Amino acid sequence: MVRTASIIMSVVSNLIYTYRSPSKAFEFMYGRPTNEATSLGYLMGACFLTYVAQWPYLARQAHLEDFNLQTSLAASLLAWLLIAPLLLYCVAILVYFLHRVLGGGKTSGQIRVGLFWSFFAATPMMMLFGLVKGFLGSGTAENVVGFFWFMALSYFILCAVVRAKVGGAAQ
């Protein structure tokens, strides 16, 4: 139990550190040894939280349009926990090849950790987006929160890629 609690606190403290100083957070991440289990954990955690963020909207749609909520939840589960990780691994491979063409020295594992952590770090804003979309519906509030989520995700990815190219500890 103590080991699990220390891992959770590590993720939470890293998440807060990423919002406070993304470039330093990625430099710290690139300095650690790469582990595929870690990058897969970040990716699956982010995909699961994004799936959970869809629940309020799906419940609203099922109530307003009178269709089966279970079917929508199952389709969303399939999309976010089976298909999205495969597509995001493909994106990570493309970013790695682009990184190598531009002369970067990071390994593919380090690039994956950076990209998947970027997605994971933006999930709190995705959760807020899901709440706003579920409770308020489509409108200005949804667009504003969605814009801030997209900007945070883009900024985290940019910091990860720039930190991979410019510096950080090499493996």
N, C-alpha and C. Protein backbone atom coordinates (compact mmCIF):
# COMPACT_ATOMS: atom_id res chain seq x y z
N MET A 1 0.83 -1.20 0.00
CA MET A 1 0.00 0.00 0.00
C MET A 1 0.87 1.25 0.00
N VAL A 2 1.96 1.24 0.72
CA VAL A 2 2.82 2.41 0.78
C VAL A 2 3.43 2.70 -0.58
N ARG A 3 3.83 1.64 -1.28
CA ARG A 3 4.42 1.83 -2.61
C ARG A 3 3.40 2.45 -3.57
N THR A 4 2.16 1.98 -3.55
CA THR A 4 1.12 2.53 -4.41
C THR A 4 0.86 3.99 -4.07
N ALA A 5 0.80 4.33 -2.80
CA ALA A 5 0.55 5.71 -2.39
C ALA A 5 1.69 6.62 -2.84
N SER A 6 2.94 6.14 -2.77
CA SER A 6 4.05 6.98 -3.19
C SER A 6 4.03 7.19 -4.71
N ILE A 7 3.59 6.19 -5.48
CA ILE A 7 3.49 6.35 -6.93
C ILE A 7 2.40 7.36 -7.28
N ILE A 8 1.26 7.27 -6.61
CA ILE A 8 0.17 8.21 -6.87
C ILE A 8 0.59 9.62 -6.51
N MET A 9 1.22 9.79 -5.39
CA MET A 9 1.66 11.13 -5.01
C MET A 9 2.72 11.64 -5.99
N SER A 10 3.53 10.75 -6.51
CA SER A 10 4.51 11.16 -7.49
C SER A 10 3.83 11.68 -8.75
N VAL A 11 2.79 11.01 -9.19
CA VAL A 11 2.06 11.46 -10.39
C VAL A 11 1.39 12.80 -10.12
N VAL A 12 0.76 12.93 -8.96
CA VAL A 12 0.08 14.19 -8.62
C VAL A 12 1.08 15.33 -8.50
N SER A 13 2.19 15.09 -7.82
CA SER A 13 3.19 16.16 -7.68
C SER A 13 3.82 16.50 -9.03
N ASN A 14 4.05 15.50 -9.88
CA ASN A 14 4.56 15.78 -11.22
C ASN A 14 3.55 16.55 -12.07
N LEU A 15 2.27 16.25 -11.88
CA LEU A 15 1.23 16.97 -12.61
C LEU A 15 1.21 18.45 -12.21
N ILE A 16 1.28 18.70 -10.93
CA ILE A 16 1.32 20.10 -10.45
C ILE A 16 2.59 20.79 -10.94
N TYR A 17 3.71 20.08 -10.89
CA TYR A 17 4.98 20.64 -11.35
C TYR A 17 4.93 20.94 -12.85
N THR A 18 4.22 20.12 -13.61
CA THR A 18 4.11 20.36 -15.05
C THR A 18 3.32 21.63 -15.33
N TYR A 19 2.28 21.89 -14.56
CA TYR A 19 1.53 23.13 -14.76
C TYR A 19 2.35 24.34 -14.31
N ARG A 20 3.19 24.17 -13.32
CA ARG A 20 3.98 25.28 -12.81
C ARG A 20 5.17 25.59 -13.71
N SER A 21 5.86 24.54 -14.17
CA SER A 21 7.05 24.74 -14.99
C SER A 21 7.20 23.57 -15.96
N PRO A 22 6.50 23.61 -17.09
CA PRO A 22 6.50 22.45 -17.99
C PRO A 22 7.89 22.09 -18.53
N SER A 23 8.68 23.07 -18.88
CA SER A 23 9.99 22.78 -19.45
C SER A 23 10.87 22.03 -18.46
N LYS A 24 10.88 22.46 -17.22
CA LYS A 24 11.68 21.77 -16.20
C LYS A 24 11.12 20.39 -15.88
N ALA A 25 9.81 20.25 -15.94
CA ALA A 25 9.20 18.95 -15.68
C ALA A 25 9.61 17.95 -16.75
N PHE A 26 9.64 18.38 -18.01
CA PHE A 26 10.05 17.47 -19.08
C PHE A 26 11.55 17.19 -19.02
N GLU A 27 12.33 18.17 -18.61
CA GLU A 27 13.76 17.93 -18.45
C GLU A 27 13.99 16.87 -17.37
N PHE A 28 13.24 16.96 -16.28
CA PHE A 28 13.32 15.95 -15.21
C PHE A 28 12.88 14.58 -15.73
N MET A 29 11.82 14.56 -16.52
CA MET A 29 11.32 13.30 -17.07
C MET A 29 12.32 12.65 -18.02
N TYR A 30 12.95 13.47 -18.86
CA TYR A 30 13.92 12.93 -19.80
C TYR A 30 15.19 12.47 -19.10
N GLY A 31 15.43 12.96 -17.90
CA GLY A 31 16.60 12.55 -17.14
C GLY A 31 16.46 11.18 -16.49
N ARG A 32 15.23 10.72 -16.32
CA ARG A 32 15.00 9.41 -15.72
C ARG A 32 15.15 8.32 -16.78
N PRO A 33 15.47 7.10 -16.35
CA PRO A 33 15.51 6.01 -17.33
C PRO A 33 14.12 5.74 -17.90
N THR A 34 14.08 5.42 -19.19
CA THR A 34 12.78 5.18 -19.83
C THR A 34 12.27 3.80 -19.47
N ASN A 35 10.96 3.73 -19.36
CA ASN A 35 10.30 2.49 -19.00
C ASN A 35 8.99 2.45 -19.78
N GLU A 36 8.80 1.43 -20.57
CA GLU A 36 7.58 1.35 -21.38
C GLU A 36 6.33 1.25 -20.52
N ALA A 37 6.45 0.63 -19.36
CA ALA A 37 5.30 0.54 -18.47
C ALA A 37 4.86 1.93 -17.99
N THR A 38 5.81 2.79 -17.77
CA THR A 38 5.48 4.16 -17.35
C THR A 38 4.75 4.91 -18.44
N SER A 39 5.28 4.86 -19.65
CA SER A 39 4.62 5.60 -20.74
C SER A 39 3.25 5.00 -21.05
N LEU A 40 3.12 3.68 -21.01
CA LEU A 40 1.81 3.06 -21.23
C LEU A 40 0.84 3.42 -20.10
N GLY A 41 1.34 3.50 -18.89
CA GLY A 41 0.50 3.91 -17.77
C GLY A 41 -0.01 5.34 -17.92
N TYR A 42 0.86 6.25 -18.35
CA TYR A 42 0.43 7.63 -18.59
C TYR A 42 -0.63 7.67 -19.69
N LEU A 43 -0.39 6.93 -20.76
CA LEU A 43 -1.33 6.94 -21.88
C LEU A 43 -2.67 6.35 -21.49
N MET A 44 -2.66 5.19 -20.85
CA MET A 44 -3.93 4.55 -20.49
C MET A 44 -4.65 5.35 -19.41
N GLY A 45 -3.91 5.96 -18.50
CA GLY A 45 -4.53 6.83 -17.50
C GLY A 45 -5.21 8.02 -18.14
N ALA A 46 -4.53 8.63 -19.10
CA ALA A 46 -5.11 9.78 -19.80
C ALA A 46 -6.33 9.36 -20.61
N CYS A 47 -6.24 8.23 -21.28
CA CYS A 47 -7.39 7.76 -22.07
C CYS A 47 -8.56 7.41 -21.16
N PHE A 48 -8.29 6.78 -20.02
CA PHE A 48 -9.38 6.46 -19.10
C PHE A 48 -10.03 7.72 -18.54
N LEU A 49 -9.23 8.70 -18.15
CA LEU A 49 -9.80 9.94 -17.62
C LEU A 49 -10.58 10.70 -18.70
N THR A 50 -10.12 10.62 -19.94
CA THR A 50 -10.87 11.24 -21.03
C THR A 50 -12.19 10.51 -21.24
N TYR A 51 -12.18 9.19 -21.12
CA TYR A 51 -13.42 8.40 -21.20
C TYR A 51 -14.38 8.81 -20.09
N VAL A 52 -13.88 8.95 -18.89
CA VAL A 52 -14.73 9.37 -17.76
C VAL A 52 -15.26 10.78 -17.99
N ALA A 53 -14.45 11.64 -18.61
CA ALA A 53 -14.89 13.01 -18.89
C ALA A 53 -16.06 13.05 -19.87
N GLN A 54 -16.25 12.00 -20.65
CA GLN A 54 -17.35 11.94 -21.60
C GLN A 54 -18.68 11.58 -20.96
N TRP A 55 -18.67 11.02 -19.76
CA TRP A 55 -19.89 10.53 -19.12
C TRP A 55 -20.99 11.57 -18.97
N PRO A 56 -20.70 12.78 -18.44
CA PRO A 56 -21.80 13.74 -18.30
C PRO A 56 -22.47 14.10 -19.62
N TYR A 57 -21.67 14.28 -20.65
CA TYR A 57 -22.24 14.62 -21.96
C TYR A 57 -23.07 13.46 -22.51
N LEU A 58 -22.56 12.25 -22.38
CA LEU A 58 -23.30 11.09 -22.89
C LEU A 58 -24.60 10.89 -22.13
N ALA A 59 -24.57 11.14 -20.82
CA ALA A 59 -25.80 11.03 -20.03
C ALA A 59 -26.80 12.10 -20.45
N ARG A 60 -26.32 13.30 -20.71
CA ARG A 60 -27.21 14.38 -21.15
C ARG A 60 -27.84 14.05 -22.49
N GLN A 61 -27.02 13.56 -23.42
CA GLN A 61 -27.54 13.21 -24.74
C GLN A 61 -28.54 12.06 -24.66
N ALA A 62 -28.27 11.07 -23.81
CA ALA A 62 -29.20 9.95 -23.68
C ALA A 62 -30.53 10.42 -23.11
N HIS A 63 -30.48 11.38 -22.19
CA HIS A 63 -31.71 11.89 -21.60
C HIS A 63 -32.49 12.76 -22.58
N LEU A 64 -31.79 13.64 -23.28
CA LEU A 64 -32.47 14.58 -24.17
C LEU A 64 -32.96 13.93 -25.46
N GLU A 65 -32.19 12.98 -25.98
CA GLU A 65 -32.54 12.40 -27.28
C GLU A 65 -33.13 11.00 -27.16
N ASP A 66 -33.31 10.54 -25.95
CA ASP A 66 -33.99 9.27 -25.70
C ASP A 66 -33.34 8.07 -26.41
N PHE A 67 -32.06 7.86 -26.15
CA PHE A 67 -31.43 6.65 -26.65
C PHE A 67 -30.67 5.98 -25.51
N ASN A 68 -30.16 4.79 -25.77
CA ASN A 68 -29.57 3.95 -24.74
C ASN A 68 -28.21 4.49 -24.29
N LEU A 69 -28.09 4.79 -23.02
CA LEU A 69 -26.84 5.29 -22.45
C LEU A 69 -25.77 4.22 -22.47
N GLN A 70 -26.14 2.97 -22.24
CA GLN A 70 -25.16 1.88 -22.18
C GLN A 70 -24.44 1.71 -23.51
N THR A 71 -25.15 1.86 -24.58
CA THR A 71 -24.54 1.74 -25.91
C THR A 71 -23.53 2.85 -26.14
N SER A 72 -23.88 4.06 -25.73
CA SER A 72 -22.97 5.19 -25.89
C SER A 72 -21.73 5.02 -25.03
N LEU A 73 -21.91 4.55 -23.80
CA LEU A 73 -20.76 4.33 -22.92
C LEU A 73 -19.86 3.23 -23.47
N ALA A 74 -20.44 2.18 -24.01
CA ALA A 74 -19.64 1.10 -24.58
C ALA A 74 -18.85 1.57 -25.80
N ALA A 75 -19.48 2.35 -26.65
CA ALA A 75 -18.79 2.88 -27.83
C ALA A 75 -17.66 3.82 -27.42
N SER A 76 -17.91 4.65 -26.42
CA SER A 76 -16.89 5.56 -25.93
C SER A 76 -15.73 4.79 -25.28
N LEU A 77 -16.06 3.73 -24.56
CA LEU A 77 -15.02 2.88 -23.96
C LEU A 77 -14.15 2.26 -25.04
N LEU A 78 -14.76 1.73 -26.07
CA LEU A 78 -14.01 1.15 -27.17
C LEU A 78 -13.11 2.19 -27.83
N ALA A 79 -13.66 3.37 -28.05
CA ALA A 79 -12.90 4.42 -28.72
C ALA A 79 -11.71 4.88 -27.88
N TRP A 80 -11.93 5.13 -26.59
CA TRP A 80 -10.88 5.73 -25.78
C TRP A 80 -9.90 4.74 -25.18
N LEU A 81 -10.30 3.51 -24.94
CA LEU A 81 -9.38 2.58 -24.30
C LEU A 81 -8.79 1.54 -25.24
N LEU A 82 -9.29 1.45 -26.45
CA LEU A 82 -8.71 0.50 -27.40
C LEU A 82 -8.15 1.18 -28.65
N ILE A 83 -8.92 2.07 -29.24
CA ILE A 83 -8.51 2.66 -30.51
C ILE A 83 -7.58 3.86 -30.30
N ALA A 84 -7.91 4.75 -29.37
CA ALA A 84 -7.10 5.95 -29.15
C ALA A 84 -5.65 5.63 -28.76
N PRO A 85 -5.39 4.65 -27.87
CA PRO A 85 -3.98 4.35 -27.57
C PRO A 85 -3.18 3.90 -28.81
N LEU A 86 -3.81 3.13 -29.66
CA LEU A 86 -3.10 2.70 -30.88
C LEU A 86 -2.79 3.89 -31.78
N LEU A 87 -3.75 4.78 -31.93
CA LEU A 87 -3.52 5.96 -32.76
C LEU A 87 -2.46 6.88 -32.14
N LEU A 88 -2.48 7.01 -30.82
CA LEU A 88 -1.49 7.87 -30.16
C LEU A 88 -0.08 7.26 -30.22
N TYR A 89 0.02 5.94 -30.22
CA TYR A 89 1.33 5.32 -30.44
C TYR A 89 1.82 5.62 -31.85
N CYS A 90 0.93 5.62 -32.82
CA CYS A 90 1.31 5.97 -34.20
C CYS A 90 1.78 7.42 -34.28
N VAL A 91 1.08 8.31 -33.59
CA VAL A 91 1.51 9.72 -33.55
C VAL A 91 2.88 9.83 -32.90
N ALA A 92 3.12 9.08 -31.83
CA ALA A 92 4.41 9.12 -31.15
C ALA A 92 5.54 8.64 -32.07
N ILE A 93 5.26 7.63 -32.88
CA ILE A 93 6.28 7.16 -33.83
C ILE A 93 6.59 8.24 -34.86
N LEU A 94 5.55 8.91 -35.36
CA LEU A 94 5.77 9.98 -36.34
C LEU A 94 6.56 11.14 -35.73
N VAL A 95 6.24 11.50 -34.49
CA VAL A 95 6.98 12.58 -33.82
C VAL A 95 8.43 12.15 -33.59
N TYR A 96 8.65 10.89 -33.25
CA TYR A 96 10.02 10.41 -33.06
C TYR A 96 10.81 10.50 -34.37
N PHE A 97 10.21 10.07 -35.48
CA PHE A 97 10.91 10.16 -36.76
C PHE A 97 11.20 11.61 -37.13
N LEU A 98 10.26 12.50 -36.89
CA LEU A 98 10.48 13.92 -37.13
C LEU A 98 11.60 14.45 -36.24
N HIS A 99 11.61 14.00 -34.99
CA HIS A 99 12.66 14.40 -34.03
C HIS A 99 14.04 13.95 -34.53
N ARG A 100 14.13 12.73 -35.06
CA ARG A 100 15.41 12.22 -35.55
C ARG A 100 15.84 12.95 -36.82
N VAL A 101 14.89 13.28 -37.70
CA VAL A 101 15.22 14.00 -38.93
C VAL A 101 15.77 15.39 -38.59
N LEU A 102 15.22 16.01 -37.56
CA LEU A 102 15.68 17.34 -37.16
C LEU A 102 16.93 17.30 -36.29
N GLY A 103 17.48 16.11 -36.06
CA GLY A 103 18.76 16.01 -35.36
C GLY A 103 18.65 15.85 -33.86
N GLY A 104 17.52 15.42 -33.36
CA GLY A 104 17.38 15.22 -31.93
C GLY A 104 18.07 13.95 -31.47
N GLY A 105 18.42 13.92 -30.20
CA GLY A 105 19.16 12.78 -29.69
C GLY A 105 18.40 11.91 -28.69
N LYS A 106 17.13 12.14 -28.53
CA LYS A 106 16.36 11.35 -27.57
C LYS A 106 15.94 10.02 -28.18
N THR A 107 15.69 9.06 -27.28
CA THR A 107 15.22 7.75 -27.74
C THR A 107 13.72 7.80 -27.98
N SER A 108 13.21 6.79 -28.66
CA SER A 108 11.77 6.74 -28.91
C SER A 108 10.99 6.62 -27.61
N GLY A 109 11.56 5.93 -26.63
CA GLY A 109 10.90 5.82 -25.33
C GLY A 109 10.76 7.16 -24.64
N GLN A 110 11.79 7.98 -24.72
CA GLN A 110 11.72 9.31 -24.11
C GLN A 110 10.70 10.19 -24.81
N ILE A 111 10.64 10.10 -26.12
CA ILE A 111 9.65 10.89 -26.86
C ILE A 111 8.24 10.44 -26.49
N ARG A 112 8.03 9.13 -26.39
CA ARG A 112 6.71 8.62 -26.00
C ARG A 112 6.32 9.10 -24.61
N VAL A 113 7.24 9.03 -23.66
CA VAL A 113 6.93 9.49 -22.31
C VAL A 113 6.55 10.96 -22.33
N GLY A 114 7.28 11.77 -23.08
CA GLY A 114 6.96 13.20 -23.16
C GLY A 114 5.60 13.47 -23.75
N LEU A 115 5.28 12.79 -24.86
CA LEU A 115 3.98 13.01 -25.49
C LEU A 115 2.83 12.47 -24.65
N PHE A 116 3.00 11.29 -24.09
CA PHE A 116 1.91 10.71 -23.30
C PHE A 116 1.73 11.46 -22.00
N TRP A 117 2.81 11.97 -21.42
CA TRP A 117 2.66 12.79 -20.22
C TRP A 117 1.97 14.10 -20.56
N SER A 118 2.24 14.66 -21.72
CA SER A 118 1.55 15.89 -22.14
C SER A 118 0.05 15.66 -22.18
N PHE A 119 -0.37 14.55 -22.76
CA PHE A 119 -1.79 14.21 -22.83
C PHE A 119 -2.35 13.99 -21.43
N PHE A 120 -1.60 13.29 -20.58
CA PHE A 120 -2.06 13.04 -19.22
C PHE A 120 -2.17 14.34 -18.42
N ALA A 121 -1.20 15.23 -18.61
CA ALA A 121 -1.20 16.48 -17.85
C ALA A 121 -2.36 17.39 -18.24
N ALA A 122 -2.86 17.25 -19.46
CA ALA A 122 -3.99 18.08 -19.91
C ALA A 122 -5.34 17.48 -19.54
N THR A 123 -5.38 16.28 -18.97
CA THR A 123 -6.67 15.64 -18.67
C THR A 123 -7.49 16.35 -17.59
N PRO A 124 -6.90 17.04 -16.60
CA PRO A 124 -7.79 17.77 -15.69
C PRO A 124 -8.65 18.81 -16.41
N MET A 125 -8.09 19.45 -17.40
CA MET A 125 -8.87 20.41 -18.18
C MET A 125 -9.88 19.70 -19.06
N MET A 126 -9.55 18.49 -19.52
CA MET A 126 -10.51 17.69 -20.29
C MET A 126 -11.67 17.28 -19.39
N MET A 127 -11.39 16.97 -18.13
CA MET A 127 -12.47 16.62 -17.20
C MET A 127 -13.40 17.82 -17.00
N LEU A 128 -12.82 19.00 -16.87
CA LEU A 128 -13.64 20.21 -16.75
C LEU A 128 -14.45 20.43 -18.02
N PHE A 129 -13.85 20.19 -19.17
CA PHE A 129 -14.56 20.31 -20.44
C PHE A 129 -15.75 19.37 -20.48
N GLY A 130 -15.57 18.14 -20.02
CA GLY A 130 -16.66 17.17 -20.00
C GLY A 130 -17.79 17.60 -19.08
N LEU A 131 -17.43 18.16 -17.93
CA LEU A 131 -18.47 18.65 -17.01
C LEU A 131 -19.24 19.81 -17.62
N VAL A 132 -18.53 20.75 -18.21
CA VAL A 132 -19.19 21.91 -18.80
C VAL A 132 -20.09 21.47 -19.95
N LYS A 133 -19.59 20.57 -20.78
CA LYS A 133 -20.38 20.10 -21.92
C LYS A 133 -21.59 19.30 -21.45
N GLY A 134 -21.43 18.55 -20.37
CA GLY A 134 -22.54 17.73 -19.87
C GLY A 134 -23.60 18.54 -19.15
N PHE A 135 -23.19 19.51 -18.35
CA PHE A 135 -24.16 20.25 -17.56
C PHE A 135 -24.70 21.49 -18.25
N LEU A 136 -23.88 22.16 -19.06
CA LEU A 136 -24.32 23.39 -19.71
C LEU A 136 -24.68 23.19 -21.17
N GLY A 137 -24.20 22.12 -21.76
CA GLY A 137 -24.46 21.87 -23.17
C GLY A 137 -23.54 22.69 -24.06
N SER A 138 -23.85 22.69 -25.33
CA SER A 138 -23.02 23.42 -26.30
C SER A 138 -23.23 24.91 -26.13
N GLY A 139 -22.15 25.65 -26.29
CA GLY A 139 -22.25 27.10 -26.17
C GLY A 139 -20.90 27.73 -25.92
N THR A 140 -20.93 28.95 -25.45
CA THR A 140 -19.71 29.72 -25.24
C THR A 140 -18.83 29.10 -24.17
N ALA A 141 -19.42 28.65 -23.07
CA ALA A 141 -18.62 28.06 -21.99
C ALA A 141 -17.87 26.83 -22.47
N GLU A 142 -18.55 26.00 -23.25
CA GLU A 142 -17.90 24.81 -23.80
C GLU A 142 -16.74 25.20 -24.71
N ASN A 143 -16.94 26.19 -25.54
CA ASN A 143 -15.89 26.63 -26.46
C ASN A 143 -14.70 27.22 -25.72
N VAL A 144 -14.94 27.99 -24.67
CA VAL A 144 -13.85 28.60 -23.91
C VAL A 144 -13.03 27.53 -23.20
N VAL A 145 -13.69 26.60 -22.52
CA VAL A 145 -12.98 25.54 -21.81
C VAL A 145 -12.25 24.63 -22.80
N GLY A 146 -12.89 24.32 -23.91
CA GLY A 146 -12.24 23.51 -24.94
C GLY A 146 -11.02 24.20 -25.53
N PHE A 147 -11.10 25.49 -25.71
CA PHE A 147 -9.95 26.25 -26.21
C PHE A 147 -8.79 26.19 -25.22
N PHE A 148 -9.08 26.39 -23.92
CA PHE A 148 -8.02 26.34 -22.92
C PHE A 148 -7.43 24.94 -22.80
N TRP A 149 -8.25 23.91 -22.95
CA TRP A 149 -7.72 22.54 -22.94
C TRP A 149 -6.78 22.33 -24.13
N PHE A 150 -7.21 22.76 -25.31
CA PHE A 150 -6.40 22.59 -26.50
C PHE A 150 -5.09 23.38 -26.39
N MET A 151 -5.16 24.59 -25.84
CA MET A 151 -3.95 25.39 -25.69
C MET A 151 -2.99 24.75 -24.67
N ALA A 152 -3.52 24.23 -23.58
CA ALA A 152 -2.67 23.56 -22.59
C ALA A 152 -2.01 22.33 -23.19
N LEU A 153 -2.79 21.52 -23.90
CA LEU A 153 -2.23 20.32 -24.53
C LEU A 153 -1.17 20.70 -25.55
N SER A 154 -1.44 21.69 -26.38
CA SER A 154 -0.47 22.13 -27.38
C SER A 154 0.80 22.66 -26.74
N TYR A 155 0.65 23.43 -25.66
CA TYR A 155 1.81 23.99 -24.97
C TYR A 155 2.64 22.89 -24.32
N PHE A 156 2.00 21.91 -23.72
CA PHE A 156 2.74 20.82 -23.10
C PHE A 156 3.48 20.01 -24.17
N ILE A 157 2.85 19.74 -25.29
CA ILE A 157 3.53 19.00 -26.36
C ILE A 157 4.69 19.81 -26.91
N LEU A 158 4.48 21.10 -27.09
CA LEU A 158 5.55 21.97 -27.58
C LEU A 158 6.72 21.97 -26.61
N CYS A 159 6.44 22.08 -25.32
CA CYS A 159 7.52 22.05 -24.32
C CYS A 159 8.25 20.71 -24.33
N ALA A 160 7.50 19.62 -24.49
CA ALA A 160 8.13 18.30 -24.53
C ALA A 160 9.04 18.16 -25.74
N VAL A 161 8.58 18.62 -26.89
CA VAL A 161 9.38 18.49 -28.11
C VAL A 161 10.58 19.42 -28.07
N VAL A 162 10.39 20.65 -27.63
CA VAL A 162 11.50 21.59 -27.56
C VAL A 162 12.53 21.13 -26.54
N ARG A 163 12.09 20.65 -25.40
CA ARG A 163 13.02 20.17 -24.38
C ARG A 163 13.75 18.94 -24.88
N ALA A 164 13.10 18.11 -25.67
CA ALA A 164 13.77 16.94 -26.24
C ALA A 164 14.83 17.37 -27.24
N LYS A 165 14.56 18.42 -28.00
CA LYS A 165 15.51 18.88 -29.01
C LYS A 165 16.65 19.69 -28.40
N VAL A 166 16.30 20.59 -27.47
CA VAL A 166 17.28 21.54 -26.95
C VAL A 166 18.17 20.94 -25.89
N GLY A 167 17.57 20.27 -24.94
CA GLY A 167 18.42 19.83 -23.83
C GLY A 167 17.77 18.77 -23.00
N GLY A 168 18.18 18.72 -21.76
CA GLY A 168 17.75 17.65 -20.88
C GLY A 168 18.79 16.56 -20.89
N ALA A 169 18.72 15.72 -19.91
CA ALA A 169 19.71 14.65 -19.80
C ALA A 169 19.51 13.63 -20.91
N ALA A 170 20.56 13.27 -21.56
CA ALA A 170 20.48 12.26 -22.62
C ALA A 170 20.57 10.87 -22.00
N GLN A 171 19.92 9.93 -22.62
CA GLN A 171 19.92 8.55 -22.12
C GLN A 171 21.14 7.83 -22.64
